[in-house]
Amino acid sequence: MNLHGIFPPIATPFNADGEIYEAKVEHNVTKWNRTGLAGYVVCGSTGESVYLTFEEKIRLFELVAKHAATDKLLIAGTGVESVRETVMLNNRAAEMGYKAAMVRTPHYYKNLLNNSEAQKLYFRAVADQAKIPLMIYNWPQATGLDIAADAVAALSEHPNIIAIKESSGNIEKVMQMIRETKAGFQVLVGSAPTLAPSLGVGAVGAVLAYANAAPYSTIAIWEAHRQREFDAAADWQRRIARAAVLVTVKYGIPGLKYAMDLNGYYGGPVRLPLVPVGPAAKKEIEEAFADLKG
């Protein structure tokens, strides 16, 4: 399966009552369909998946599958703490036409799971039962656990584990995984501030929260890299640097949703306990995105 290109982990639209705003799912997906995005990740961290019920996740899978263009690859964010529920989500997504599942590292019982053997057991158990192939999802800044490169190399030998989304921003680790994983295993990154250098060392694509709001600039980096126009890729990387940090590291999902609203997408409210950005943050985001349209 070819996972090359840029995938946004799509933000979940909520209405003023906190319910999934189905019309705005259609609005955003229809607008993204007109871009060169490779596909969509549904119910990833950027989609506030930890605040969604099982039923809400299934509904989002249905809605995005309904409105996505046929050339967009659909990836379901399914990772939860237990193998059992993760498998259930994987296989429901498979029934709707999703081609892969992005599964984050389990982390609640850190004292028991902060070792490679426990992590390998989890991913192998899920992969054994999943009807679609898995992409490991590693985001140690959020989970507090960092799956080791040698564990990823071992997991790459499983026939149903085909990729990793490495969101640590650690380019040396990306290089190690590219060297040590099985031929054909694909390494994608999740850090917009280090997109161009990550592609430069061999990452095949990226799953980027920032791409929700300004997909064209990330596609420009991807296309410049693909055409071996490395100076152009570096130039675009400099252009997005400030904005990417604001809507990922500094202000996170509330900042990203405001940037989406600025650029003609629907970001809308976040789900409690997250809170919207304030006036000072809005001004900072507006300035950073002034030349970065959707």
C-alpha atoms as a PDB file:
ATOM      1  CA  MET A   1       0.000   0.000   0.000  1.00  0.00           C
ATOM      2  CA  ASN A   2       1.403   3.370  -1.031  1.00  0.00           C
ATOM      3  CA  LEU A   3       1.191   5.884   1.825  1.00  0.00           C
ATOM      4  CA  HIS A   4       3.242   8.568   0.072  1.00  0.00           C
ATOM      5  CA  GLY A   5       2.143  12.202   0.326  1.00  0.00           C
ATOM      6  CA  ILE A   6       0.418  14.481   2.811  1.00  0.00           C
ATOM      7  CA  PHE A   7      -2.492  13.364   5.001  1.00  0.00           C
ATOM      8  CA  PRO A   8      -4.309  15.691   7.429  1.00  0.00           C
ATOM      9  CA  PRO A   9      -5.523  14.073  10.653  1.00  0.00           C
ATOM     10  CA  ILE A  10      -8.803  15.866  10.252  1.00  0.00           C
ATOM     11  CA  ALA A  11     -10.240  18.055  12.995  1.00  0.00           C
ATOM     12  CA  THR A  12     -13.680  17.041  14.238  1.00  0.00           C
ATOM     13  CA  PRO A  13     -16.308  19.781  13.695  1.00  0.00           C
ATOM     14  CA  PHE A  14     -18.604  20.387  16.651  1.00  0.00           C
ATOM     15  CA  ASN A  15     -21.645  22.652  16.741  1.00  0.00           C
ATOM     16  CA  ALA A  16     -22.518  25.069  19.554  1.00  0.00           C
ATOM     17  CA  ASP A  17     -24.137  22.219  21.499  1.00  0.00           C
ATOM     18  CA  GLY A  18     -21.006  20.085  21.326  1.00  0.00           C
ATOM     19  CA  GLU A  19     -22.449  17.590  18.844  1.00  0.00           C
ATOM     20  CA  ILE A  20     -20.699  16.465  15.660  1.00  0.00           C
ATOM     21  CA  TYR A  21     -21.587  19.059  12.998  1.00  0.00           C
ATOM     22  CA  GLU A  22     -22.259  16.738  10.078  1.00  0.00           C
ATOM     23  CA  ALA A  23     -22.769  19.457   7.462  1.00  0.00           C
ATOM     24  CA  LYS A  24     -19.354  20.886   8.293  1.00  0.00           C
ATOM     25  CA  VAL A  25     -17.707  17.486   7.905  1.00  0.00           C
ATOM     26  CA  GLU A  26     -19.036  17.536   4.347  1.00  0.00           C
ATOM     27  CA  HIS A  27     -17.913  21.151   3.872  1.00  0.00           C
ATOM     28  CA  ASN A  28     -14.326  20.487   4.964  1.00  0.00           C
ATOM     29  CA  VAL A  29     -13.898  17.187   3.151  1.00  0.00           C
ATOM     30  CA  THR A  30     -15.365  18.572  -0.074  1.00  0.00           C
ATOM     31  CA  LYS A  31     -12.929  21.489   0.072  1.00  0.00           C
ATOM     32  CA  TRP A  32      -9.954  19.217   0.814  1.00  0.00           C
ATOM     33  CA  ASN A  33     -11.006  16.955  -2.066  1.00  0.00           C
ATOM     34  CA  ARG A  34      -9.969  19.731  -4.444  1.00  0.00           C
ATOM     35  CA  THR A  35      -6.380  19.708  -3.173  1.00  0.00           C
ATOM     36  CA  GLY A  36      -3.486  17.345  -3.805  1.00  0.00           C
ATOM     37  CA  LEU A  37      -3.774  15.727  -0.374  1.00  0.00           C
ATOM     38  CA  ALA A  38      -3.165  11.986  -0.542  1.00  0.00           C
ATOM     39  CA  GLY A  39      -6.022  11.155   1.795  1.00  0.00           C
ATOM     40  CA  TYR A  40      -7.425  11.648   5.278  1.00  0.00           C
ATOM     41  CA  VAL A  41      -6.819  10.284   8.754  1.00  0.00           C
ATOM     42  CA  VAL A  42     -10.111  10.197  10.677  1.00  0.00           C
ATOM     43  CA  CYS A  43     -10.240  10.198  14.492  1.00  0.00           C
ATOM     44  CA  GLY A  44      -6.578  10.903  15.064  1.00  0.00           C
ATOM     45  CA  SER A  45      -5.344  13.017  17.964  1.00  0.00           C
ATOM     46  CA  THR A  46      -6.123  16.221  16.075  1.00  0.00           C
ATOM     47  CA  GLY A  47      -9.707  14.986  15.770  1.00  0.00           C
ATOM     48  CA  GLU A  48      -9.941  15.054  19.582  1.00  0.00           C
ATOM     49  CA  SER A  49     -10.417  11.303  19.433  1.00  0.00           C
ATOM     50  CA  VAL A  50      -9.759  10.832  23.137  1.00  0.00           C
ATOM     51  CA  TYR A  51     -12.931  12.869  23.780  1.00  0.00           C
ATOM     52  CA  LEU A  52     -15.113  10.967  21.291  1.00  0.00           C
ATOM     53  CA  THR A  53     -17.378   8.069  22.147  1.00  0.00           C
ATOM     54  CA  PHE A  54     -17.138   4.784  20.263  1.00  0.00           C
ATOM     55  CA  GLU A  55     -20.389   5.628  18.468  1.00  0.00           C
ATOM     56  CA  GLU A  56     -19.135   9.093  17.475  1.00  0.00           C
ATOM     57  CA  LYS A  57     -15.991   7.593  15.974  1.00  0.00           C
ATOM     58  CA  ILE A  58     -18.052   5.183  13.887  1.00  0.00           C
ATOM     59  CA  ARG A  59     -20.237   8.060  12.692  1.00  0.00           C
ATOM     60  CA  LEU A  60     -17.195  10.107  11.671  1.00  0.00           C
ATOM     61  CA  PHE A  61     -15.804   7.135   9.772  1.00  0.00           C
ATOM     62  CA  GLU A  62     -19.119   6.909   7.916  1.00  0.00           C
ATOM     63  CA  LEU A  63     -19.350  10.612   7.122  1.00  0.00           C
ATOM     64  CA  VAL A  64     -15.824  11.009   5.785  1.00  0.00           C
ATOM     65  CA  ALA A  65     -16.124   7.821   3.717  1.00  0.00           C
ATOM     66  CA  LYS A  66     -19.339   9.208   2.220  1.00  0.00           C
ATOM     67  CA  HIS A  67     -17.871  12.565   1.197  1.00  0.00           C
ATOM     68  CA  ALA A  68     -14.245  11.726   0.360  1.00  0.00           C
ATOM     69  CA  ALA A  69     -13.203  11.721  -3.287  1.00  0.00           C
ATOM     70  CA  THR A  70     -12.449   8.268  -4.669  1.00  0.00           C
ATOM     71  CA  ASP A  71      -8.753   9.076  -5.105  1.00  0.00           C
ATOM     72  CA  LYS A  72      -8.263   9.890  -1.396  1.00  0.00           C
ATOM     73  CA  LEU A  73      -6.879   7.109   0.773  1.00  0.00           C
ATOM     74  CA  LEU A  74      -8.814   6.698   4.015  1.00  0.00           C
ATOM     75  CA  ILE A  75      -6.990   5.870   7.249  1.00  0.00           C
ATOM     76  CA  ALA A  76      -8.894   5.285  10.487  1.00  0.00           C
ATOM     77  CA  GLY A  77      -7.470   6.457  13.797  1.00  0.00           C
ATOM     78  CA  THR A  78      -8.356   3.506  15.985  1.00  0.00           C
ATOM     79  CA  GLY A  79      -5.789   3.251  18.754  1.00  0.00           C
ATOM     80  CA  VAL A  80      -7.217   3.048  22.256  1.00  0.00           C
ATOM     81  CA  GLU A  81      -5.827   1.439  25.385  1.00  0.00           C
ATOM     82  CA  SER A  82      -7.147  -2.097  24.945  1.00  0.00           C
ATOM     83  CA  VAL A  83      -6.426  -4.507  22.128  1.00  0.00           C
ATOM     84  CA  ARG A  84     -10.088  -5.546  22.096  1.00  0.00           C
ATOM     85  CA  GLU A  85     -11.611  -2.126  21.402  1.00  0.00           C
ATOM     86  CA  THR A  86      -8.862  -1.185  18.949  1.00  0.00           C
ATOM     87  CA  VAL A  87      -9.595  -4.305  16.910  1.00  0.00           C
ATOM     88  CA  MET A  88     -13.329  -3.555  16.987  1.00  0.00           C
ATOM     89  CA  LEU A  89     -12.723  -0.048  15.610  1.00  0.00           C
ATOM     90  CA  ASN A  90     -10.281  -1.349  12.987  1.00  0.00           C
ATOM     91  CA  ASN A  91     -12.700  -3.877  11.636  1.00  0.00           C
ATOM     92  CA  ARG A  92     -15.707  -1.540  11.608  1.00  0.00           C
ATOM     93  CA  ALA A  93     -13.581   0.948   9.620  1.00  0.00           C
ATOM     94  CA  ALA A  94     -12.549  -1.811   7.235  1.00  0.00           C
ATOM     95  CA  GLU A  95     -16.210  -2.519   6.504  1.00  0.00           C
ATOM     96  CA  MET A  96     -16.620   1.130   5.426  1.00  0.00           C
ATOM     97  CA  GLY A  97     -13.760   1.076   2.955  1.00  0.00           C
ATOM     98  CA  TYR A  98     -10.873   2.325   5.073  1.00  0.00           C
ATOM     99  CA  LYS A  99      -7.570   0.984   3.806  1.00  0.00           C
ATOM    100  CA  ALA A 100      -5.389   1.250   6.923  1.00  0.00           C
ATOM    101  CA  ALA A 101      -5.604   1.959  10.639  1.00  0.00           C
ATOM    102  CA  MET A 102      -3.386   4.377  12.558  1.00  0.00           C
ATOM    103  CA  VAL A 103      -2.860   2.939  16.058  1.00  0.00           C
ATOM    104  CA  ARG A 104      -1.188   4.964  18.779  1.00  0.00           C
ATOM    105  CA  THR A 105       0.946   3.485  21.494  1.00  0.00           C
ATOM    106  CA  PRO A 106      -1.054   2.500  24.608  1.00  0.00           C
ATOM    107  CA  HIS A 107       0.199   4.486  27.572  1.00  0.00           C
ATOM    108  CA  TYR A 108      -2.189   4.712  30.527  1.00  0.00           C
ATOM    109  CA  TYR A 109      -0.376   2.087  32.630  1.00  0.00           C
ATOM    110  CA  LYS A 110       3.034   3.601  32.008  1.00  0.00           C
ATOM    111  CA  ASN A 111       4.848   1.520  34.600  1.00  0.00           C
ATOM    112  CA  LEU A 112       3.741  -1.642  32.783  1.00  0.00           C
ATOM    113  CA  LEU A 113       3.846  -0.451  29.168  1.00  0.00           C
ATOM    114  CA  ASN A 114       7.068   1.544  29.094  1.00  0.00           C
ATOM    115  CA  ASN A 115       9.077  -1.279  27.573  1.00  0.00           C
ATOM    116  CA  SER A 116       9.524  -2.659  24.089  1.00  0.00           C
ATOM    117  CA  GLU A 117       8.177  -6.128  24.820  1.00  0.00           C
ATOM    118  CA  ALA A 118       4.800  -4.832  26.041  1.00  0.00           C
ATOM    119  CA  GLN A 119       4.539  -2.446  23.107  1.00  0.00           C
ATOM    120  CA  LYS A 120       5.395  -5.144  20.569  1.00  0.00           C
ATOM    121  CA  LEU A 121       2.836  -7.479  22.135  1.00  0.00           C
ATOM    122  CA  TYR A 122       0.105  -4.843  21.818  1.00  0.00           C
ATOM    123  CA  PHE A 123       0.747  -4.064  18.147  1.00  0.00           C
ATOM    124  CA  ARG A 124       1.180  -7.700  17.144  1.00  0.00           C
ATOM    125  CA  ALA A 125      -2.035  -8.686  18.936  1.00  0.00           C
ATOM    126  CA  VAL A 126      -3.957  -5.935  17.136  1.00  0.00           C
ATOM    127  CA  ALA A 127      -2.359  -6.700  13.761  1.00  0.00           C
ATOM    128  CA  ASP A 128      -3.145 -10.413  14.069  1.00  0.00           C
ATOM    129  CA  GLN A 129      -6.871  -9.650  14.276  1.00  0.00           C
ATOM    130  CA  ALA A 130      -7.202  -6.548  12.119  1.00  0.00           C
ATOM    131  CA  LYS A 131      -8.782  -6.758   8.666  1.00  0.00           C
ATOM    132  CA  ILE A 132      -6.740  -3.788   7.446  1.00  0.00           C
ATOM    133  CA  PRO A 133      -3.016  -3.081   7.850  1.00  0.00           C
ATOM    134  CA  LEU A 134      -1.670  -0.973  10.695  1.00  0.00           C
ATOM    135  CA  MET A 135       0.335   2.225  10.906  1.00  0.00           C
ATOM    136  CA  ILE A 136       2.031   2.581  14.294  1.00  0.00           C
ATOM    137  CA  TYR A 137       1.462   6.043  15.762  1.00  0.00           C
ATOM    138  CA  ASN A 138       4.143   7.391  18.074  1.00  0.00           C
ATOM    139  CA  TRP A 139       3.646  10.773  19.782  1.00  0.00           C
ATOM    140  CA  PRO A 140       5.702  10.722  22.978  1.00  0.00           C
ATOM    141  CA  GLN A 141       5.004  14.391  23.772  1.00  0.00           C
ATOM    142  CA  ALA A 142       1.369  13.403  24.441  1.00  0.00           C
ATOM    143  CA  THR A 143       1.582   9.793  25.583  1.00  0.00           C
ATOM    144  CA  GLY A 144       4.726  10.000  27.680  1.00  0.00           C
ATOM    145  CA  LEU A 145       5.979   6.810  26.006  1.00  0.00           C
ATOM    146  CA  ASP A 146       8.382   6.608  23.080  1.00  0.00           C
ATOM    147  CA  ILE A 147       8.475   3.370  21.143  1.00  0.00           C
ATOM    148  CA  ALA A 148      12.101   2.534  20.367  1.00  0.00           C
ATOM    149  CA  ALA A 149      13.402   2.339  16.803  1.00  0.00           C
ATOM    150  CA  ASP A 150      14.553  -1.255  17.299  1.00  0.00           C
ATOM    151  CA  ALA A 151      11.040  -2.221  18.443  1.00  0.00           C
ATOM    152  CA  VAL A 152       9.623  -0.640  15.287  1.00  0.00           C
ATOM    153  CA  ALA A 153      12.166  -2.598  13.245  1.00  0.00           C
ATOM    154  CA  ALA A 154      10.979  -5.838  14.870  1.00  0.00           C
ATOM    155  CA  LEU A 155       7.311  -4.939  14.292  1.00  0.00           C
ATOM    156  CA  SER A 156       8.009  -4.163  10.626  1.00  0.00           C
ATOM    157  CA  GLU A 157       8.484  -7.916  10.108  1.00  0.00           C
ATOM    158  CA  HIS A 158       4.763  -8.482  10.826  1.00  0.00           C
ATOM    159  CA  PRO A 159       2.938  -8.750   7.487  1.00  0.00           C
ATOM    160  CA  ASN A 160       0.046  -6.576   8.687  1.00  0.00           C
ATOM    161  CA  ILE A 161       2.149  -3.707  10.102  1.00  0.00           C
ATOM    162  CA  ILE A 162       3.190  -1.544   7.183  1.00  0.00           C
ATOM    163  CA  ALA A 163       4.160   1.919   8.443  1.00  0.00           C
ATOM    164  CA  ILE A 164       4.768   4.302  11.317  1.00  0.00           C
ATOM    165  CA  LYS A 165       3.746   7.890  11.916  1.00  0.00           C
ATOM    166  CA  GLU A 166       6.642   9.265  13.961  1.00  0.00           C
ATOM    167  CA  SER A 167       5.573  12.538  15.561  1.00  0.00           C
ATOM    168  CA  SER A 168       8.494  13.119  17.903  1.00  0.00           C
ATOM    169  CA  GLY A 169      10.295  15.417  15.459  1.00  0.00           C
ATOM    170  CA  ASN A 170      13.461  13.373  16.049  1.00  0.00           C
ATOM    171  CA  ILE A 171      15.089  13.187  12.619  1.00  0.00           C
ATOM    172  CA  GLU A 172      17.884  10.907  13.811  1.00  0.00           C
ATOM    173  CA  LYS A 173      15.281   8.379  14.940  1.00  0.00           C
ATOM    174  CA  VAL A 174      13.507   8.686  11.578  1.00  0.00           C
ATOM    175  CA  MET A 175      16.806   7.877   9.854  1.00  0.00           C
ATOM    176  CA  GLN A 176      17.409   4.886  12.114  1.00  0.00           C
ATOM    177  CA  MET A 177      13.963   3.447  11.398  1.00  0.00           C
ATOM    178  CA  ILE A 178      14.444   3.901   7.667  1.00  0.00           C
ATOM    179  CA  ARG A 179      17.743   2.002   7.896  1.00  0.00           C
ATOM    180  CA  GLU A 180      16.582  -0.814  10.155  1.00  0.00           C
ATOM    181  CA  THR A 181      12.990  -1.624   9.190  1.00  0.00           C
ATOM    182  CA  LYS A 182      12.069  -4.261   6.638  1.00  0.00           C
ATOM    183  CA  ALA A 183      12.185  -3.265   2.973  1.00  0.00           C
ATOM    184  CA  GLY A 184       8.815  -1.792   2.006  1.00  0.00           C
ATOM    185  CA  PHE A 185       7.975  -0.555   5.502  1.00  0.00           C
ATOM    186  CA  GLN A 186       7.042   3.121   5.252  1.00  0.00           C
ATOM    187  CA  VAL A 187       8.098   5.870   7.626  1.00  0.00           C
ATOM    188  CA  LEU A 188       5.857   8.947   7.770  1.00  0.00           C
ATOM    189  CA  VAL A 189       6.306  11.914  10.088  1.00  0.00           C
ATOM    190  CA  GLY A 190       3.858  14.002  12.072  1.00  0.00           C
ATOM    191  CA  SER A 191       5.834  17.179  12.631  1.00  0.00           C
ATOM    192  CA  ALA A 192       5.181  20.062  10.216  1.00  0.00           C
ATOM    193  CA  PRO A 193       8.111  22.137  11.572  1.00  0.00           C
ATOM    194  CA  THR A 194      10.521  19.392  10.421  1.00  0.00           C
ATOM    195  CA  LEU A 195       8.687  18.220   7.273  1.00  0.00           C
ATOM    196  CA  ALA A 196      11.264  19.110   4.585  1.00  0.00           C
ATOM    197  CA  PRO A 197      14.298  17.698   6.425  1.00  0.00           C
ATOM    198  CA  SER A 198      12.354  14.534   7.290  1.00  0.00           C
ATOM    199  CA  LEU A 199      11.478  13.980   3.639  1.00  0.00           C
ATOM    200  CA  GLY A 200      15.092  14.711   2.806  1.00  0.00           C
ATOM    201  CA  VAL A 201      16.336  11.795   4.913  1.00  0.00           C
ATOM    202  CA  GLY A 202      13.831   9.325   3.469  1.00  0.00           C
ATOM    203  CA  ALA A 203      10.375   9.727   5.040  1.00  0.00           C
ATOM    204  CA  VAL A 204       7.755   8.912   2.395  1.00  0.00           C
ATOM    205  CA  GLY A 205       5.047  11.283   3.616  1.00  0.00           C
ATOM    206  CA  ALA A 206       3.453  12.969   6.582  1.00  0.00           C
ATOM    207  CA  VAL A 207       0.311  13.113   8.712  1.00  0.00           C
ATOM    208  CA  LEU A 208       0.140  16.791   9.649  1.00  0.00           C
ATOM    209  CA  ALA A 209      -2.340  18.641  11.858  1.00  0.00           C
ATOM    210  CA  TYR A 210      -1.223  21.900  10.221  1.00  0.00           C
ATOM    211  CA  ALA A 211      -2.474  20.589   6.846  1.00  0.00           C
ATOM    212  CA  ASN A 212      -6.067  20.974   8.072  1.00  0.00           C
ATOM    213  CA  ALA A 213      -5.734  24.740   7.767  1.00  0.00           C
ATOM    214  CA  ALA A 214      -3.168  25.280   5.000  1.00  0.00           C
ATOM    215  CA  PRO A 215      -2.803  22.094   2.965  1.00  0.00           C
ATOM    216  CA  TYR A 216      -1.357  23.775  -0.118  1.00  0.00           C
ATOM    217  CA  SER A 217       1.842  24.825   1.619  1.00  0.00           C
ATOM    218  CA  THR A 218       2.544  21.291   2.842  1.00  0.00           C
ATOM    219  CA  ILE A 219       1.729  19.890  -0.592  1.00  0.00           C
ATOM    220  CA  ALA A 220       4.174  22.446  -2.026  1.00  0.00           C
ATOM    221  CA  ILE A 221       6.930  21.045   0.202  1.00  0.00           C
ATOM    222  CA  TRP A 222       6.027  17.489  -0.786  1.00  0.00           C
ATOM    223  CA  GLU A 223       5.953  18.268  -4.515  1.00  0.00           C
ATOM    224  CA  ALA A 224       9.208  20.248  -4.361  1.00  0.00           C
ATOM    225  CA  HIS A 225      10.866  17.297  -2.642  1.00  0.00           C
ATOM    226  CA  ARG A 226       9.403  14.849  -5.153  1.00  0.00           C
ATOM    227  CA  GLN A 227      10.751  16.960  -8.036  1.00  0.00           C
ATOM    228  CA  ARG A 228      14.130  17.189  -6.274  1.00  0.00           C
ATOM    229  CA  GLU A 229      13.762  20.962  -5.973  1.00  0.00           C
ATOM    230  CA  PHE A 230      15.270  21.003  -2.512  1.00  0.00           C
ATOM    231  CA  ASP A 231      15.825  24.754  -2.323  1.00  0.00           C
ATOM    232  CA  ALA A 232      12.120  25.296  -2.999  1.00  0.00           C
ATOM    233  CA  ALA A 233      11.205  22.763  -0.305  1.00  0.00           C
ATOM    234  CA  ALA A 234      13.470  24.553   2.174  1.00  0.00           C
ATOM    235  CA  ASP A 235      11.960  27.913   1.208  1.00  0.00           C
ATOM    236  CA  TRP A 236       8.418  26.672   1.839  1.00  0.00           C
ATOM    237  CA  GLN A 237       9.572  25.144   5.116  1.00  0.00           C
ATOM    238  CA  ARG A 238      10.784  28.553   6.240  1.00  0.00           C
ATOM    239  CA  ARG A 239       7.468  30.135   5.210  1.00  0.00           C
ATOM    240  CA  ILE A 240       5.376  27.784   7.344  1.00  0.00           C
ATOM    241  CA  ALA A 241       7.746  27.635  10.314  1.00  0.00           C
ATOM    242  CA  ARG A 242       6.028  30.114  12.617  1.00  0.00           C
ATOM    243  CA  ALA A 243       2.466  29.116  11.752  1.00  0.00           C
ATOM    244  CA  ALA A 244       3.227  25.412  12.142  1.00  0.00           C
ATOM    245  CA  VAL A 245       4.633  25.884  15.633  1.00  0.00           C
ATOM    246  CA  LEU A 246       1.657  27.992  16.716  1.00  0.00           C
ATOM    247  CA  VAL A 247      -1.008  25.453  15.737  1.00  0.00           C
ATOM    248  CA  THR A 248       0.872  22.385  16.915  1.00  0.00           C
ATOM    249  CA  VAL A 249       3.240  23.090  19.788  1.00  0.00           C
ATOM    250  CA  LYS A 250       2.076  26.420  21.251  1.00  0.00           C
ATOM    251  CA  TYR A 251      -1.722  26.545  20.905  1.00  0.00           C
ATOM    252  CA  GLY A 252      -2.520  23.047  19.683  1.00  0.00           C
ATOM    253  CA  ILE A 253      -6.005  22.077  18.518  1.00  0.00           C
ATOM    254  CA  PRO A 254      -7.748  25.299  19.681  1.00  0.00           C
ATOM    255  CA  GLY A 255      -5.232  27.324  17.656  1.00  0.00           C
ATOM    256  CA  LEU A 256      -5.520  25.014  14.684  1.00  0.00           C
ATOM    257  CA  LYS A 257      -9.317  25.285  14.637  1.00  0.00           C
ATOM    258  CA  TYR A 258      -9.065  29.070  14.638  1.00  0.00           C
ATOM    259  CA  ALA A 259      -6.606  28.918  11.716  1.00  0.00           C
ATOM    260  CA  MET A 260      -9.072  26.700   9.862  1.00  0.00           C
ATOM    261  CA  ASP A 261     -11.805  29.287  10.359  1.00  0.00           C
ATOM    262  CA  LEU A 262      -9.465  31.949   8.953  1.00  0.00           C
ATOM    263  CA  ASN A 263      -8.793  29.903   5.831  1.00  0.00           C
ATOM    264  CA  GLY A 264     -12.332  29.001   4.797  1.00  0.00           C
ATOM    265  CA  TYR A 265     -12.615  25.644   6.537  1.00  0.00           C
ATOM    266  CA  TYR A 266     -14.773  25.025   9.581  1.00  0.00           C
ATOM    267  CA  GLY A 267     -12.784  24.668  12.767  1.00  0.00           C
ATOM    268  CA  GLY A 268     -15.416  25.721  15.250  1.00  0.00           C
ATOM    269  CA  PRO A 269     -15.411  25.007  18.984  1.00  0.00           C
ATOM    270  CA  VAL A 270     -13.264  22.476  20.771  1.00  0.00           C
ATOM    271  CA  ARG A 271     -14.649  19.900  23.165  1.00  0.00           C
ATOM    272  CA  LEU A 272     -14.213  20.485  26.891  1.00  0.00           C
ATOM    273  CA  PRO A 273     -11.873  20.403  28.732  1.00  0.00           C
ATOM    274  CA  LEU A 274     -10.039  22.115  25.853  1.00  0.00           C
ATOM    275  CA  VAL A 275     -10.757  25.843  25.656  1.00  0.00           C
ATOM    276  CA  PRO A 276     -10.726  28.281  22.717  1.00  0.00           C
ATOM    277  CA  VAL A 277      -7.768  30.567  22.097  1.00  0.00           C
ATOM    278  CA  GLY A 278      -7.991  34.134  23.409  1.00  0.00           C
ATOM    279  CA  PRO A 279      -7.613  37.477  21.613  1.00  0.00           C
ATOM    280  CA  ALA A 280      -3.806  37.664  21.860  1.00  0.00           C
ATOM    281  CA  ALA A 281      -3.401  34.171  20.455  1.00  0.00           C
ATOM    282  CA  LYS A 282      -5.873  34.901  17.672  1.00  0.00           C
ATOM    283  CA  LYS A 283      -3.889  37.957  16.637  1.00  0.00           C
ATOM    284  CA  GLU A 284      -0.663  35.944  16.589  1.00  0.00           C
ATOM    285  CA  ILE A 285      -2.252  33.212  14.469  1.00  0.00           C
ATOM    286  CA  GLU A 286      -3.774  35.755  12.071  1.00  0.00           C
ATOM    287  CA  GLU A 287      -0.368  37.326  11.487  1.00  0.00           C
ATOM    288  CA  ALA A 288       1.345  33.967  10.966  1.00  0.00           C
ATOM    289  CA  PHE A 289      -1.268  32.780   8.446  1.00  0.00           C
ATOM    290  CA  ALA A 290      -1.583  36.064   6.543  1.00  0.00           C
ATOM    291  CA  ASP A 291       0.265  34.640   3.531  1.00  0.00           C
ATOM    292  CA  LEU A 292      -0.667  30.982   4.048  1.00  0.00           C
ATOM    293  CA  LYS A 293      -4.112  30.435   2.587  1.00  0.00           C
ATOM    294  CA  GLY A 294      -6.089  27.246   2.597  1.00  0.00           C
END
